[in-house]
Structure formats: C-alpha cells, structure tokens
C-alpha cells in the first residue's frame, strides 16, 4: 500500500549551548567530574541515531473507524460459528470481514492501493481457496502459511529482503498494540460518538430477535424450510462453548492485528543491510571458478549417464537401477540449496570497483547458475526414474515440487543479474506463493493416486497399504481400480469419513464432497480379511 509517511526522521543537531563553549549569551557549562581525556566516559557508546526498533516504527495510527470495529466483531463471530467443525469454505467467509476492516483502516490512514498491494491481496485470497477445494491437510496448511506471507506484504508494502522476510512479524506487534488501539476507539465512542453507534447497535439486536423468532416459526411450519435452515445454520452446542469462545477471541485478534497493521505498518524497508567488504578479483573468483569446474565435471558425467551409460555405472557401483536414482536425488537437492547460499555470500563480498568487476561477477555467477540448473534437471530425472520403479508418494511429489521451485529461483537470480535486482525479493516471494497455489490446485493426493493406479494398470503393481493414509482427494482416481483392490484401497478413507459423520457445508471441501458422493453410489464391499490378505493393512516407510 502507498502512504503519506516519509522516511525516518533525521537526528536534530544539538544546541550550541550544549557543546561546552560560550556562544552568544549562553554561559559555558562546567566540566563534569572525571570528564578528562582518557576518562571512562570517553569509552561509553554514543547515540548516533535511532535504533532499528524505533526506525521501523510508523506514525501514530489513525483512530479506528466504526466499520472496522464491526468487521473485527464479525470476524470473531464467523470464526466461532464456522471454524469449529474444520476448515473449508468457511475460512474464506471468516477472512472477508477482516479484509474489509483492514481496507477501511488503511483508507482512514491515507494509504492507497498500489499494483503490488493488489497482487498480494488477490494472491492471499486465492491461496485461501485451497482449503475449500482440497481435503488433504498438508497443501491446505502450506496455502494458509503462504496466505499469511502475502497478507503481510500487502499490508506492509515491503519490497526489500528485510521487508519481505520480516513482514509477518509485524502481525505480532500489531496484535499487542491493536488492543490499546481498540480500547481507545471504544472510549472515544462512549461519549460524543454514542449517538451514532447506539442506534446501529439497537437495530442489530432487534434484527437478530426478529430473525430468530420468525425463523423458528417458519421452521416449525414447514419441514422442507426447516431442513434448509438446519443445513445453512451452524450447529452450536454447549459442549463446544470453550472451543467456540477461543475461536472467537482468535478471530478478533487476527482481524484487529490486520486492521492495526493497515493503519500504521512497521517500516521494515527502513532497515538497511550494508554490503560486505569487497574482495579482490583473485580472492573472490578463484574459489568460485574451482566450484564451477567441479560442477562441470559432475554434469558431464550426468549427461553421459543420461544418454545410455546406466549399465556401465550400475556395474561399477553395484547399485540397482532404482537405488542409484534414489541415492543421488537427496544429495542433489542439498547441493541446489547450498548453491543458493554460496551465491548470496558471493554477492555480498563481490568486487565492486568498476564495470570490469561487474562483468566478472556476472560471468562467474552466471556460469554457476547454469551449472546448477543442470543439477536440478539431473535430480528431477533421478526422481522420475525412482517413481517409475516404486510409484509416487506424498514425500516424493513434495520434494520434486521444491526442486522445481529452486530451479525457478535460480532463473530469477540470473535475470536479476542482467536487468537489476530491485524486484528480486518480491519476485521470489511471489514465486513461492504461486508454487504453493499451483501445488494445491493440482491436488497432490490425487496425483499420487492417479500415478499409482496407472502403474497398476500397466504392470499390476500396487501398494494398497499406502492408500490408507491418503485424503478424500484420492477417491476419484482409486475408484477406477477393479474389485477387490478398489474397496481395499478406499477402506481407510471410507472409515475416516464414517468416523467424522455428517460435516456441514462450510467445513466440507470440494474433494470431500466428491468422495462422499462416489462412496454413496459405490460403497466399499471387500471384507477386512480379504483386504488383509492383499496387504492393505501392512506397515510401510515412506522415503
């Protein structure tokens, strides 16, 4: 978001009368006891400017608006009513009033939306759609974490590395200061503003009474209307009271933190990270050139193996086809991560004397990035070979997706080396969020089931025990299996949904809804004994 706040205030010069000399009519100050040359005061640290905590502090937040107060309360109520039964479409309904409250608070503070702000906000809402689409908890949890990051970027307007990395921490500060901000706003409305909010409160209470009264009458008069009303309204019981109350408090705190951040965000971009001491060309380039040669030798071997050298390699190593592929993938994944660390440190200490140094840095690091991309391709090829032999699992699809994203980050670094790196922090954050969004939309559990069903259709190999831990997203693919393999593969998912019982619409994902429809039309029929003989309840270790 844009705002009207300037940069950090400059330190004001001290008055002449405090210098110890006589200026004009200002008498000279007597020397302090012990203030002689070499005294202990000379070794005390002198304040040269604001600390980082005061540097990032924004101006005082504008008074909280009535619309923001209502939005905070609505968020708490929605969280208490809709999140007690689980995540699903209800999460989006909880977030909507919080977004409205933050928007009103930002406008009251004179902040307007910029293109990046809109992109972060849209991405945040798109990520929160994943829990409504997928039953699997792990892509939904990743999507929620990524949504928090994008929400923090939208509210803080961060664009530097400190801003991108520290932006989510601003919510912690706003959750504490937001309480005082809320109480101050409530006290202000207790007097002069009473004539404005009291009629609204009275009208709201009357509307709720009328809804309850006539809703109960119509429900008792028509069974179809009662059934519709029962499906739409949350089922709240006395036993759920403590959990609902905690969800209410959590919803209020989160909405209040978002609104307080929008009104006066912390200015993380004011934190400057000074570059490291530049090294000489030889001192800087020699280790990286040696590393590039090592990468080149490794990649040459990989290309030779890729084009038909597997048999010779396997004979010399004594490893099997799949063991060779599995053994190397994890090492190559770590090699990719360490390369990013090396690039970051190399940029910090790179020589910066002139155009020649800049060309050297681009050439050496550009070659290293290209070599790393070949390593990424080799790691993905190894994973593909291993999946062909042993099938796809959650862990394998996750680390392959991570390797792909790391390759994208390396490409972004190469582009930044050519065209400038001011946009790189936001591009990396945006690419991470986009990767999480695509990962969730592709339904990883569905991908795992689809790949393993296709493998069964090709060579009759199947691991029924692994399917017991999958979510309802895998049901459409597993439904294609013949009996009794189909029933045994679906048994764990079917039992899990049976234990859950009826799930309200606001807590049911699209994946679970489709799975329930399939299992209602074609129930699980194989007995426990049959599935046990097929190995459906055996133990396994995923790697």
Protein backbone atom coordinates (compact mmCIF):
# COMPACT_ATOMS: atom_id res chain seq x y z
CA UNK A 1 0.00 0.00 0.00
CA UNK A 2 1.10 3.51 -0.61
CA UNK A 3 1.10 6.06 2.19
CA UNK A 4 1.98 9.61 3.03
CA UNK A 5 4.67 8.74 5.57
CA UNK A 6 8.15 9.93 4.79
CA UNK A 7 11.47 8.36 5.63
CA UNK A 8 12.98 8.18 9.09
CA UNK A 9 13.35 11.43 10.93
CA UNK A 10 16.82 12.89 10.84
CA UNK A 11 18.63 13.46 14.12
CA UNK A 12 18.41 17.15 15.11
CA UNK A 13 21.72 18.94 15.79
CA UNK A 14 22.42 19.74 19.39
CA UNK A 15 22.03 23.29 20.62
CA UNK A 16 25.20 25.31 20.69
CA UNK A 17 24.87 25.80 24.41
CA UNK A 18 25.44 22.08 24.95
CA UNK A 19 28.85 21.97 23.30
CA UNK A 20 30.73 23.23 26.30
CA UNK A 21 31.78 26.54 24.63
CA UNK A 22 30.42 30.03 25.16
CA UNK A 23 28.17 31.12 22.28
CA UNK A 24 26.41 34.43 22.38
CA UNK A 25 24.81 34.90 25.81
CA UNK A 26 24.99 31.16 26.64
CA UNK A 27 27.27 30.55 29.60
CA UNK A 28 29.84 27.86 29.33
CA UNK A 29 28.92 24.62 31.07
CA UNK A 30 31.24 23.47 33.84
CA UNK A 31 33.11 20.28 33.10
CA UNK A 32 31.66 17.11 34.63
CA UNK A 33 33.69 15.36 37.30
CA UNK A 34 36.08 12.92 35.72
CA UNK A 35 35.45 14.24 32.19
CA UNK A 36 39.14 14.39 31.36
CA UNK A 37 40.94 12.96 28.40
CA UNK A 38 41.04 9.21 28.73
CA UNK A 39 38.23 9.22 31.33
CA UNK A 40 35.77 6.32 31.40
CA UNK A 41 33.11 8.48 29.71
CA UNK A 42 35.18 8.52 26.56
CA UNK A 43 34.60 4.78 26.22
CA UNK A 44 30.83 4.92 26.59
CA UNK A 45 28.79 4.29 23.38
CA UNK A 46 27.34 7.47 21.98
CA UNK A 47 23.88 7.57 20.42
CA UNK A 48 24.27 8.28 16.70
CA UNK A 49 20.67 7.75 15.61
CA UNK A 50 17.51 5.78 16.22
CA UNK A 51 17.67 2.07 16.92
CA UNK A 52 16.10 -0.33 14.44
CA UNK A 53 13.03 -0.75 16.66
CA UNK A 54 12.28 2.98 16.55
CA UNK A 55 13.40 3.23 12.94
CA UNK A 56 10.72 0.84 11.67
CA UNK A 57 8.01 2.32 13.88
CA UNK A 58 5.40 4.14 11.84
CA UNK A 59 3.44 7.23 12.76
CA UNK A 60 0.55 7.03 15.21
CA UNK A 61 -2.37 5.05 13.82
CA UNK A 62 -5.48 6.92 12.78
CA UNK A 63 -8.49 6.41 15.08
CA UNK A 64 -10.31 3.16 14.48
CA UNK A 65 -13.44 3.54 12.37
CA UNK A 66 -16.84 2.12 13.26
CA UNK A 67 -16.80 -0.06 10.15
CA UNK A 68 -13.51 -1.59 11.29
CA UNK A 69 -14.97 -2.28 14.74
CA UNK A 70 -17.94 -4.04 13.19
CA UNK A 71 -15.66 -6.01 10.84
CA UNK A 72 -13.48 -7.17 13.75
CA UNK A 73 -16.55 -8.33 15.66
CA UNK A 74 -17.96 -10.05 12.56
CA UNK A 75 -14.67 -11.88 12.03
CA UNK A 76 -14.71 -13.19 15.58
CA UNK A 77 -18.32 -14.37 15.31
CA UNK A 78 -17.69 -16.00 11.93
CA UNK A 79 -14.62 -17.81 13.30
CA UNK A 80 -16.58 -19.09 16.29
CA UNK A 81 -19.51 -20.31 14.17
CA UNK A 82 -17.76 -21.59 11.03
CA UNK A 83 -14.34 -22.90 12.06
CA UNK A 84 -15.37 -25.15 14.93
CA UNK A 85 -16.12 -28.03 12.55
CA UNK A 86 -12.98 -27.71 10.41
CA UNK A 87 -11.54 -25.76 7.51
CA UNK A 88 -13.37 -25.37 4.23
CA UNK A 89 -15.34 -22.62 2.52
CA UNK A 90 -15.95 -21.18 5.98
CA UNK A 91 -12.35 -19.96 6.14
CA UNK A 92 -12.95 -17.58 3.25
CA UNK A 93 -16.14 -16.32 4.89
CA UNK A 94 -14.15 -15.58 8.04
CA UNK A 95 -11.43 -13.69 6.19
CA UNK A 96 -13.76 -11.45 4.13
CA UNK A 97 -14.84 -9.13 7.01
CA UNK A 98 -11.21 -8.94 8.20
CA UNK A 99 -10.19 -7.75 4.73
CA UNK A 100 -12.94 -5.12 4.80
CA UNK A 101 -11.79 -3.89 8.21
CA UNK A 102 -8.16 -3.65 7.10
CA UNK A 103 -9.15 -1.78 3.93
CA UNK A 104 -11.18 0.80 5.87
CA UNK A 105 -8.33 1.25 8.38
CA UNK A 106 -5.85 1.81 5.54
CA UNK A 107 -8.08 4.40 3.87
CA UNK A 108 -8.54 6.21 7.19
CA UNK A 109 -4.74 6.42 7.47
CA UNK A 110 -4.46 7.91 3.98
CA UNK A 111 -2.97 4.79 2.39
CA UNK A 112 -3.96 3.76 -1.12
CA UNK A 113 -3.58 0.53 -3.03
CA UNK A 114 -0.65 0.05 -5.38
CA UNK A 115 -0.35 -2.65 -8.06
CA UNK A 116 1.83 -4.86 -5.87
CA UNK A 117 -0.63 -4.44 -2.99
CA UNK A 118 -3.50 -5.63 -5.16
CA UNK A 119 -1.42 -8.55 -6.42
CA UNK A 120 -0.57 -9.65 -2.88
CA UNK A 121 -4.19 -9.30 -1.73
CA UNK A 122 -5.58 -11.27 -4.67
CA UNK A 123 -2.94 -13.95 -4.19
CA UNK A 124 -3.78 -14.17 -0.49
CA UNK A 125 -7.48 -14.78 -1.20
CA UNK A 126 -6.64 -17.26 -3.98
CA UNK A 127 -4.50 -19.30 -1.59
CA UNK A 128 -7.33 -19.43 0.93
CA UNK A 129 -9.45 -21.16 -1.71
CA UNK A 130 -7.23 -24.27 -1.43
CA UNK A 131 -8.78 -25.47 1.88
CA UNK A 132 -12.19 -25.16 0.22
CA UNK A 133 -11.08 -27.33 -2.71
CA UNK A 134 -8.77 -29.93 -1.17
CA UNK A 135 -9.42 -32.32 1.70
CA UNK A 136 -5.73 -33.01 2.24
CA UNK A 137 -4.35 -31.09 5.21
CA UNK A 138 -0.75 -30.55 4.07
CA UNK A 139 -1.36 -28.47 0.90
CA UNK A 140 -4.06 -26.56 2.80
CA UNK A 141 -1.62 -25.77 5.63
CA UNK A 142 1.02 -24.62 3.13
CA UNK A 143 -1.57 -22.42 1.43
CA UNK A 144 -2.58 -20.80 4.72
CA UNK A 145 1.06 -20.06 5.62
CA UNK A 146 1.68 -18.58 2.16
CA UNK A 147 -1.50 -16.52 2.50
CA UNK A 148 -0.20 -15.05 5.78
CA UNK A 149 3.02 -14.05 3.99
CA UNK A 150 1.17 -12.37 1.12
CA UNK A 151 -1.22 -10.66 3.53
CA UNK A 152 1.74 -9.26 5.46
CA UNK A 153 3.33 -8.00 2.24
CA UNK A 154 0.06 -6.38 1.16
CA UNK A 155 -0.36 -4.58 4.50
CA UNK A 156 3.26 -3.53 4.98
CA UNK A 157 4.09 -2.72 1.36
CA UNK A 158 7.52 -4.36 1.74
CA UNK A 159 9.88 -4.57 -1.21
CA UNK A 160 13.38 -5.27 0.21
CA UNK A 161 14.80 -8.51 1.62
CA UNK A 162 14.40 -7.38 5.28
CA UNK A 163 10.86 -6.24 4.49
CA UNK A 164 9.86 -9.49 2.78
CA UNK A 165 11.40 -11.72 5.45
CA UNK A 166 10.24 -9.74 8.49
CA UNK A 167 6.80 -8.61 7.30
CA UNK A 168 4.86 -11.47 9.02
CA UNK A 169 6.42 -10.45 12.37
CA UNK A 170 4.51 -7.18 12.11
CA UNK A 171 1.32 -9.04 12.99
CA UNK A 172 2.74 -9.88 16.42
CA UNK A 173 3.40 -6.23 17.18
CA UNK A 174 0.00 -5.19 15.84
CA UNK A 175 -1.80 -7.85 17.90
CA UNK A 176 -0.43 -6.20 21.07
CA UNK A 177 -0.74 -2.54 20.08
CA UNK A 178 -4.09 -3.24 18.42
CA UNK A 179 -5.73 -3.91 21.79
CA UNK A 180 -4.84 -0.43 23.03
CA UNK A 181 -5.96 0.99 19.68
CA UNK A 182 -9.31 -0.79 20.04
CA UNK A 183 -9.86 0.33 23.64
CA UNK A 184 -9.02 3.92 22.72
CA UNK A 185 -11.58 3.80 19.93
CA UNK A 186 -14.25 2.34 22.20
CA UNK A 187 -13.66 5.01 24.84
CA UNK A 188 -13.94 7.72 22.19
CA UNK A 189 -17.32 6.31 21.15
CA UNK A 190 -18.60 6.20 24.69
CA UNK A 191 -19.25 9.93 24.67
CA UNK A 192 -19.74 12.08 21.60
CA UNK A 193 -19.98 9.13 19.22
CA UNK A 194 -22.72 7.45 21.23
CA UNK A 195 -25.48 9.00 19.15
CA UNK A 196 -24.02 7.37 16.02
CA UNK A 197 -23.31 3.80 17.09
CA UNK A 198 -26.07 3.25 19.67
CA UNK A 199 -28.92 3.29 17.09
CA UNK A 200 -26.96 0.83 14.94
CA UNK A 201 -26.47 -1.50 17.91
CA UNK A 202 -30.16 -1.33 18.82
CA UNK A 203 -31.21 -2.04 15.23
CA UNK A 204 -28.85 -5.02 15.07
CA UNK A 205 -30.29 -6.53 18.25
CA UNK A 206 -33.86 -6.06 17.01
CA UNK A 207 -32.99 -7.64 13.65
CA UNK A 208 -31.46 -10.68 15.37
CA UNK A 209 -34.52 -11.10 17.58
CA UNK A 210 -36.84 -10.94 14.57
CA UNK A 211 -34.70 -13.45 12.64
CA UNK A 212 -34.72 -15.95 15.50
CA UNK A 213 -38.42 -15.54 16.23
CA UNK A 214 -39.78 -15.76 12.69
CA UNK A 215 -37.14 -18.29 11.64
CA UNK A 216 -38.29 -20.64 14.41
CA UNK A 217 -41.95 -20.15 13.43
CA UNK A 218 -41.33 -20.85 9.73
CA UNK A 219 -39.14 -23.85 10.53
CA UNK A 220 -41.89 -25.38 12.66
CA UNK A 221 -44.45 -24.67 9.94
CA UNK A 222 -42.57 -26.30 7.03
CA UNK A 223 -40.28 -29.33 7.23
CA UNK A 224 -38.51 -28.50 3.95
CA UNK A 225 -37.70 -24.99 5.17
CA UNK A 226 -36.54 -26.43 8.50
CA UNK A 227 -34.21 -28.82 6.68
CA UNK A 228 -32.81 -25.99 4.54
CA UNK A 229 -32.33 -23.78 7.58
CA UNK A 230 -30.67 -26.58 9.51
CA UNK A 231 -28.19 -27.17 6.70
CA UNK A 232 -27.27 -23.50 6.47
CA UNK A 233 -27.02 -22.63 10.15
CA UNK A 234 -24.07 -23.84 12.25
CA UNK A 235 -24.85 -26.48 14.86
CA UNK A 236 -23.67 -24.96 18.16
CA UNK A 237 -23.84 -26.99 21.37
CA UNK A 238 -22.96 -26.23 24.97
CA UNK A 239 -20.07 -28.72 24.86
CA UNK A 240 -18.46 -26.71 22.07
CA UNK A 241 -18.65 -23.50 24.09
CA UNK A 242 -14.96 -23.26 25.17
CA UNK A 243 -13.68 -24.06 21.68
CA UNK A 244 -16.06 -21.60 20.06
CA UNK A 245 -15.03 -18.90 22.54
CA UNK A 246 -11.35 -19.48 21.79
CA UNK A 247 -12.05 -19.26 18.07
CA UNK A 248 -13.94 -16.00 18.65
CA UNK A 249 -11.01 -14.49 20.55
CA UNK A 250 -8.56 -15.72 17.90
CA UNK A 251 -10.66 -14.27 15.09
CA UNK A 252 -10.93 -10.90 16.85
CA UNK A 253 -7.18 -10.76 17.49
CA UNK A 254 -6.27 -11.66 13.91
CA UNK A 255 -8.72 -9.18 12.39
CA UNK A 256 -7.59 -6.49 14.81
CA UNK A 257 -3.92 -7.17 14.03
CA UNK A 258 -4.61 -6.90 10.30
CA UNK A 259 -6.51 -3.61 10.71
CA UNK A 260 -3.88 -2.12 13.03
CA UNK A 261 -1.15 -3.11 10.58
CA UNK A 262 -3.05 -1.48 7.73
CA UNK A 263 -3.44 1.72 9.77
CA UNK A 264 0.22 2.01 10.82
CA UNK A 265 2.51 -0.73 9.47
CA UNK A 266 6.05 -1.26 10.61
CA UNK A 267 8.52 0.10 8.06
CA UNK A 268 10.77 -2.92 7.66
CA UNK A 269 12.18 -1.46 4.43
CA UNK A 270 13.95 1.19 6.50
CA UNK A 271 16.35 -1.48 7.76
CA UNK A 272 19.39 -1.32 5.53
CA UNK A 273 21.84 -4.19 5.19
CA UNK A 274 25.25 -2.88 4.29
CA UNK A 275 27.23 -4.93 1.75
CA UNK A 276 30.24 -6.86 2.91
CA UNK A 277 33.81 -5.76 2.36
CA UNK A 278 34.62 -6.26 -1.34
CA UNK A 279 37.35 -8.79 -2.06
CA UNK A 280 39.99 -8.69 -4.73
CA UNK A 281 39.23 -10.38 -8.02
CA UNK A 282 41.55 -13.32 -7.41
CA UNK A 283 40.45 -13.84 -3.81
CA UNK A 284 36.79 -13.74 -4.82
CA UNK A 285 36.80 -15.53 -8.16
CA UNK A 286 39.27 -18.39 -7.58
CA UNK A 287 37.05 -20.48 -5.21
CA UNK A 288 34.03 -19.96 -7.46
CA UNK A 289 35.91 -20.92 -10.61
CA UNK A 290 37.07 -24.13 -8.90
CA UNK A 291 33.45 -24.80 -7.86
CA UNK A 292 32.31 -24.23 -11.45
CA UNK A 293 34.86 -26.77 -12.69
CA UNK A 294 33.57 -29.30 -10.16
CA UNK A 295 30.01 -28.68 -11.32
CA UNK A 296 31.09 -29.04 -14.94
CA UNK A 297 32.74 -32.41 -14.28
CA UNK A 298 29.71 -33.71 -12.40
CA UNK A 299 27.30 -32.52 -15.09
CA UNK A 300 29.40 -34.13 -17.82
CA UNK A 301 29.06 -37.47 -16.04
CA UNK A 302 25.34 -36.94 -15.63
CA UNK A 303 24.88 -36.22 -19.32
CA UNK A 304 26.91 -39.29 -20.25
CA UNK A 305 24.80 -41.48 -17.97
CA UNK A 306 21.61 -39.90 -19.26
CA UNK A 307 22.44 -40.86 -22.84
CA UNK A 308 22.94 -44.56 -22.29
CA UNK A 309 25.60 -45.09 -19.66
CA UNK A 310 23.38 -46.56 -16.94
CA UNK A 311 24.52 -50.15 -17.38
CA UNK A 312 28.20 -49.32 -17.00
CA UNK A 313 27.56 -47.11 -13.97
CA UNK A 314 25.44 -49.74 -12.26
CA UNK A 315 28.04 -52.43 -12.87
CA UNK A 316 30.80 -50.27 -11.37
CA UNK A 317 28.81 -49.11 -8.34
CA UNK A 318 26.99 -52.35 -7.56
CA UNK A 319 23.71 -50.45 -7.12
CA UNK A 320 20.37 -51.30 -8.60
CA UNK A 321 18.56 -49.08 -11.08
CA UNK A 322 16.17 -47.53 -8.55
CA UNK A 323 18.76 -47.41 -5.72
CA UNK A 324 21.10 -45.37 -7.93
CA UNK A 325 18.31 -42.90 -8.69
CA UNK A 326 17.18 -42.59 -5.07
CA UNK A 327 20.67 -42.28 -3.65
CA UNK A 328 21.54 -39.22 -5.68
CA UNK A 329 18.35 -37.21 -5.50
CA UNK A 330 18.65 -36.03 -1.90
CA UNK A 331 22.30 -35.07 -2.30
CA UNK A 332 21.48 -33.05 -5.41
CA UNK A 333 18.63 -31.31 -3.60
CA UNK A 334 21.03 -30.24 -0.85
CA UNK A 335 23.58 -29.20 -3.47
CA UNK A 336 20.97 -26.87 -5.00
CA UNK A 337 20.17 -25.30 -1.62
CA UNK A 338 23.84 -24.83 -0.77
CA UNK A 339 24.47 -23.24 -4.16
CA UNK A 340 21.90 -20.55 -3.35
CA UNK A 341 23.75 -19.86 -0.09
CA UNK A 342 27.05 -19.64 -1.97
CA UNK A 343 25.55 -17.18 -4.46
CA UNK A 344 24.18 -14.99 -1.66
CA UNK A 345 27.56 -14.86 0.12
CA UNK A 346 29.43 -14.31 -3.15
CA UNK A 347 27.24 -11.31 -3.97
CA UNK A 348 27.88 -9.86 -0.52
CA UNK A 349 31.67 -9.94 -0.92
CA UNK A 350 31.89 -9.41 -4.68
CA UNK A 351 34.38 -6.84 -6.04
CA UNK A 352 32.65 -3.57 -6.95
CA UNK A 353 35.40 -1.26 -8.23
CA UNK A 354 34.05 -0.74 -11.74
CA UNK A 355 32.47 -2.15 -14.88
CA UNK A 356 35.14 -4.85 -15.17
CA UNK A 357 34.29 -6.21 -11.74
CA UNK A 358 30.59 -6.25 -12.59
CA UNK A 359 31.28 -8.23 -15.76
CA UNK A 360 33.40 -10.71 -13.81
CA UNK A 361 30.68 -11.23 -11.20
CA UNK A 362 28.03 -11.77 -13.85
CA UNK A 363 30.19 -14.22 -15.78
CA UNK A 364 31.29 -16.36 -12.81
CA UNK A 365 27.92 -16.47 -11.06
CA UNK A 366 26.09 -16.86 -14.38
CA UNK A 367 28.09 -19.99 -15.16
CA UNK A 368 27.42 -21.31 -11.65
CA UNK A 369 23.67 -20.74 -12.08
CA UNK A 370 23.65 -22.55 -15.44
CA UNK A 371 25.54 -25.48 -13.93
CA UNK A 372 23.09 -25.57 -11.03
CA UNK A 373 20.17 -25.77 -13.44
CA UNK A 374 21.74 -28.89 -14.93
CA UNK A 375 21.98 -30.32 -11.39
CA UNK A 376 18.28 -29.54 -10.88
CA UNK A 377 17.42 -31.35 -14.12
CA UNK A 378 19.53 -34.34 -13.06
CA UNK A 379 17.81 -34.51 -9.67
CA UNK A 380 14.37 -34.42 -11.27
CA UNK A 381 15.38 -37.12 -13.74
CA UNK A 382 16.55 -39.34 -10.89
CA UNK A 383 13.25 -38.83 -9.08
CA UNK A 384 11.33 -39.72 -12.22
CA UNK A 385 13.30 -42.95 -12.57
CA UNK A 386 12.64 -43.83 -8.96
CA UNK A 387 8.90 -43.12 -9.28
CA UNK A 388 8.73 -45.35 -12.34
CA UNK A 389 10.11 -48.20 -10.26
CA UNK A 390 8.37 -47.69 -6.90
CA UNK A 391 5.47 -45.33 -7.53
CA UNK A 392 4.64 -41.80 -6.42
CA UNK A 393 4.23 -40.76 -2.77
CA UNK A 394 3.48 -37.52 -0.95
CA UNK A 395 7.11 -37.04 0.03
CA UNK A 396 8.39 -37.65 -3.48
CA UNK A 397 5.96 -35.25 -5.12
CA UNK A 398 6.71 -32.62 -2.46
CA UNK A 399 10.48 -32.65 -2.83
CA UNK A 400 10.20 -32.73 -6.61
CA UNK A 401 7.99 -29.64 -6.45
CA UNK A 402 10.52 -27.96 -4.17
CA UNK A 403 13.35 -28.76 -6.59
CA UNK A 404 11.36 -27.22 -9.42
CA UNK A 405 10.81 -24.04 -7.40
CA UNK A 406 14.52 -23.83 -6.53
CA UNK A 407 15.27 -24.03 -10.24
CA UNK A 408 12.87 -21.14 -10.82
CA UNK A 409 14.63 -19.10 -8.12
CA UNK A 410 17.96 -19.67 -9.88
CA UNK A 411 16.44 -18.45 -13.15
CA UNK A 412 15.17 -15.32 -11.35
CA UNK A 413 18.67 -14.69 -9.98
CA UNK A 414 20.11 -14.96 -13.49
CA UNK A 415 17.56 -12.46 -14.81
CA UNK A 416 18.30 -10.13 -11.90
CA UNK A 417 21.99 -10.26 -12.76
CA UNK A 418 21.20 -8.94 -16.23
CA UNK A 419 18.46 -6.39 -15.52
CA UNK A 420 18.91 -5.37 -11.88
CA UNK A 421 17.78 -6.95 -8.61
CA UNK A 422 15.43 -4.39 -7.03
CA UNK A 423 12.43 -6.55 -7.89
CA UNK A 424 14.06 -9.85 -6.84
CA UNK A 425 12.79 -10.09 -3.20
CA UNK A 426 9.17 -9.63 -4.22
CA UNK A 427 9.62 -11.93 -7.23
CA UNK A 428 10.99 -14.75 -5.05
CA UNK A 429 8.15 -14.31 -2.52
CA UNK A 430 5.60 -14.23 -5.33
CA UNK A 431 7.06 -17.32 -6.98
CA UNK A 432 6.92 -19.22 -3.68
CA UNK A 433 3.26 -18.31 -3.19
CA UNK A 434 2.45 -19.17 -6.80
CA UNK A 435 4.18 -22.55 -6.40
CA UNK A 436 2.12 -23.30 -3.30
CA UNK A 437 -1.07 -22.28 -5.12
CA UNK A 438 -0.33 -24.47 -8.14
CA UNK A 439 0.67 -27.33 -5.83
CA UNK A 440 -2.67 -27.16 -4.06
CA UNK A 441 -4.71 -26.79 -7.25
CA UNK A 442 -3.03 -29.84 -8.75
CA UNK A 443 -4.21 -31.95 -5.77
CA UNK A 444 -1.05 -33.85 -4.70
CA UNK A 445 -3.03 -36.71 -3.14
CA UNK A 446 -4.99 -37.02 -6.36
CA UNK A 447 -1.73 -37.04 -8.33
CA UNK A 448 -0.32 -39.79 -6.12
CA UNK A 449 -3.41 -41.95 -6.55
CA UNK A 450 -3.61 -41.27 -10.31
CA UNK A 451 0.04 -42.22 -10.90
CA UNK A 452 -0.19 -45.40 -8.85
CA UNK A 453 -3.44 -46.51 -10.49
CA UNK A 454 -1.84 -46.01 -13.91
CA UNK A 455 1.14 -48.06 -12.72
CA UNK A 456 -1.21 -50.84 -11.61
CA UNK A 457 -2.94 -50.82 -14.98
CA UNK A 458 0.45 -51.13 -16.69
CA UNK A 459 2.20 -53.82 -14.60
CA UNK A 460 -0.30 -54.88 -11.88
CA UNK A 461 1.95 -53.46 -9.10
CA UNK A 462 0.15 -51.62 -6.31
CA UNK A 463 0.77 -50.67 -2.67
CA UNK A 464 -2.66 -50.82 -1.01
CA UNK A 465 -1.22 -50.05 2.44
CA UNK A 466 -0.07 -46.58 1.36
CA UNK A 467 -3.54 -45.57 0.18
CA UNK A 468 -4.96 -45.90 3.71
CA UNK A 469 -3.26 -42.64 4.71
CA UNK A 470 -4.40 -40.57 1.74
CA UNK A 471 -7.17 -38.00 1.91
CA UNK A 472 -10.53 -37.91 0.16
CA UNK A 473 -8.87 -36.15 -2.80
CA UNK A 474 -7.57 -39.56 -3.92
CA UNK A 475 -11.01 -41.20 -4.16
CA UNK A 476 -11.83 -40.37 -7.83
CA UNK A 477 -8.60 -42.00 -9.06
CA UNK A 478 -8.81 -45.00 -6.72
CA UNK A 479 -12.40 -45.57 -7.81
CA UNK A 480 -11.05 -46.80 -11.17
CA UNK A 481 -9.42 -49.87 -9.63
CA UNK A 482 -11.11 -53.26 -10.04
CA UNK A 483 -12.59 -55.07 -7.07
CA UNK A 484 -11.49 -56.07 -4.51
CA UNK A 485 -8.45 -53.76 -4.90
CA UNK A 486 -10.79 -50.77 -5.18
CA UNK A 487 -12.57 -51.42 -1.89
CA UNK A 488 -9.32 -52.21 -0.08
CA UNK A 489 -7.67 -49.03 -1.39
CA UNK A 490 -10.66 -46.92 -0.29
CA UNK A 491 -11.21 -48.62 3.06
CA UNK A 492 -9.09 -46.26 5.14
CA UNK A 493 -10.60 -43.14 3.57
CA UNK A 494 -14.11 -44.55 3.93
CA UNK A 495 -13.57 -45.37 7.62
CA UNK A 496 -12.17 -41.90 8.28
CA UNK A 497 -15.20 -40.17 6.76
CA UNK A 498 -17.57 -42.52 8.59
CA UNK A 499 -15.98 -41.56 11.92
CA UNK A 500 -16.30 -37.87 11.02
CA UNK A 501 -20.05 -38.26 10.47
CA UNK A 502 -22.07 -35.51 8.84
CA UNK A 503 -19.96 -32.46 8.01
CA UNK A 504 -21.66 -29.07 7.45
CA UNK A 505 -21.28 -27.33 4.11
CA UNK A 506 -18.96 -24.60 5.43
CA UNK A 507 -16.45 -27.19 6.71
CA UNK A 508 -16.57 -29.60 3.75
CA UNK A 509 -14.09 -29.25 0.92
CA UNK A 510 -14.96 -29.99 -2.68
CA UNK A 511 -12.68 -33.03 -2.55
CA UNK A 512 -14.55 -34.50 0.41
CA UNK A 513 -17.93 -33.75 -1.19
CA UNK A 514 -16.97 -35.62 -4.36
CA UNK A 515 -15.58 -38.53 -2.35
CA UNK A 516 -18.77 -38.87 -0.31
CA UNK A 517 -20.87 -38.89 -3.47
CA UNK A 518 -18.72 -41.65 -5.01
CA UNK A 519 -18.77 -43.82 -1.90
CA UNK A 520 -22.52 -43.41 -1.51
CA UNK A 521 -23.09 -44.59 -5.09
CA UNK A 522 -20.48 -47.39 -4.92
CA UNK A 523 -19.84 -48.41 -1.29
CA UNK A 524 -16.84 -50.35 -0.06
CA UNK A 525 -17.68 -54.07 -0.25
CA UNK A 526 -14.49 -56.07 0.40
CA UNK A 527 -14.15 -57.57 3.86
CA UNK A 528 -11.34 -56.90 6.31
CA UNK A 529 -9.95 -60.42 5.80
CA UNK A 530 -9.75 -60.01 2.01
CA UNK A 531 -8.00 -56.64 2.30
CA UNK A 532 -5.62 -58.01 4.90
CA UNK A 533 -4.57 -60.83 2.53
CA UNK A 534 -3.93 -58.21 -0.18
CA UNK A 535 -1.63 -56.28 2.17
CA UNK A 536 -3.87 -53.26 2.73
CA UNK A 537 -3.05 -53.04 6.44
CA UNK A 538 0.67 -53.64 6.36
CA UNK A 539 3.17 -51.11 7.65
CA UNK A 540 5.46 -49.15 5.35
CA UNK A 541 8.12 -46.43 5.50
CA UNK A 542 7.90 -43.56 3.07
CA UNK A 543 11.09 -42.15 1.54
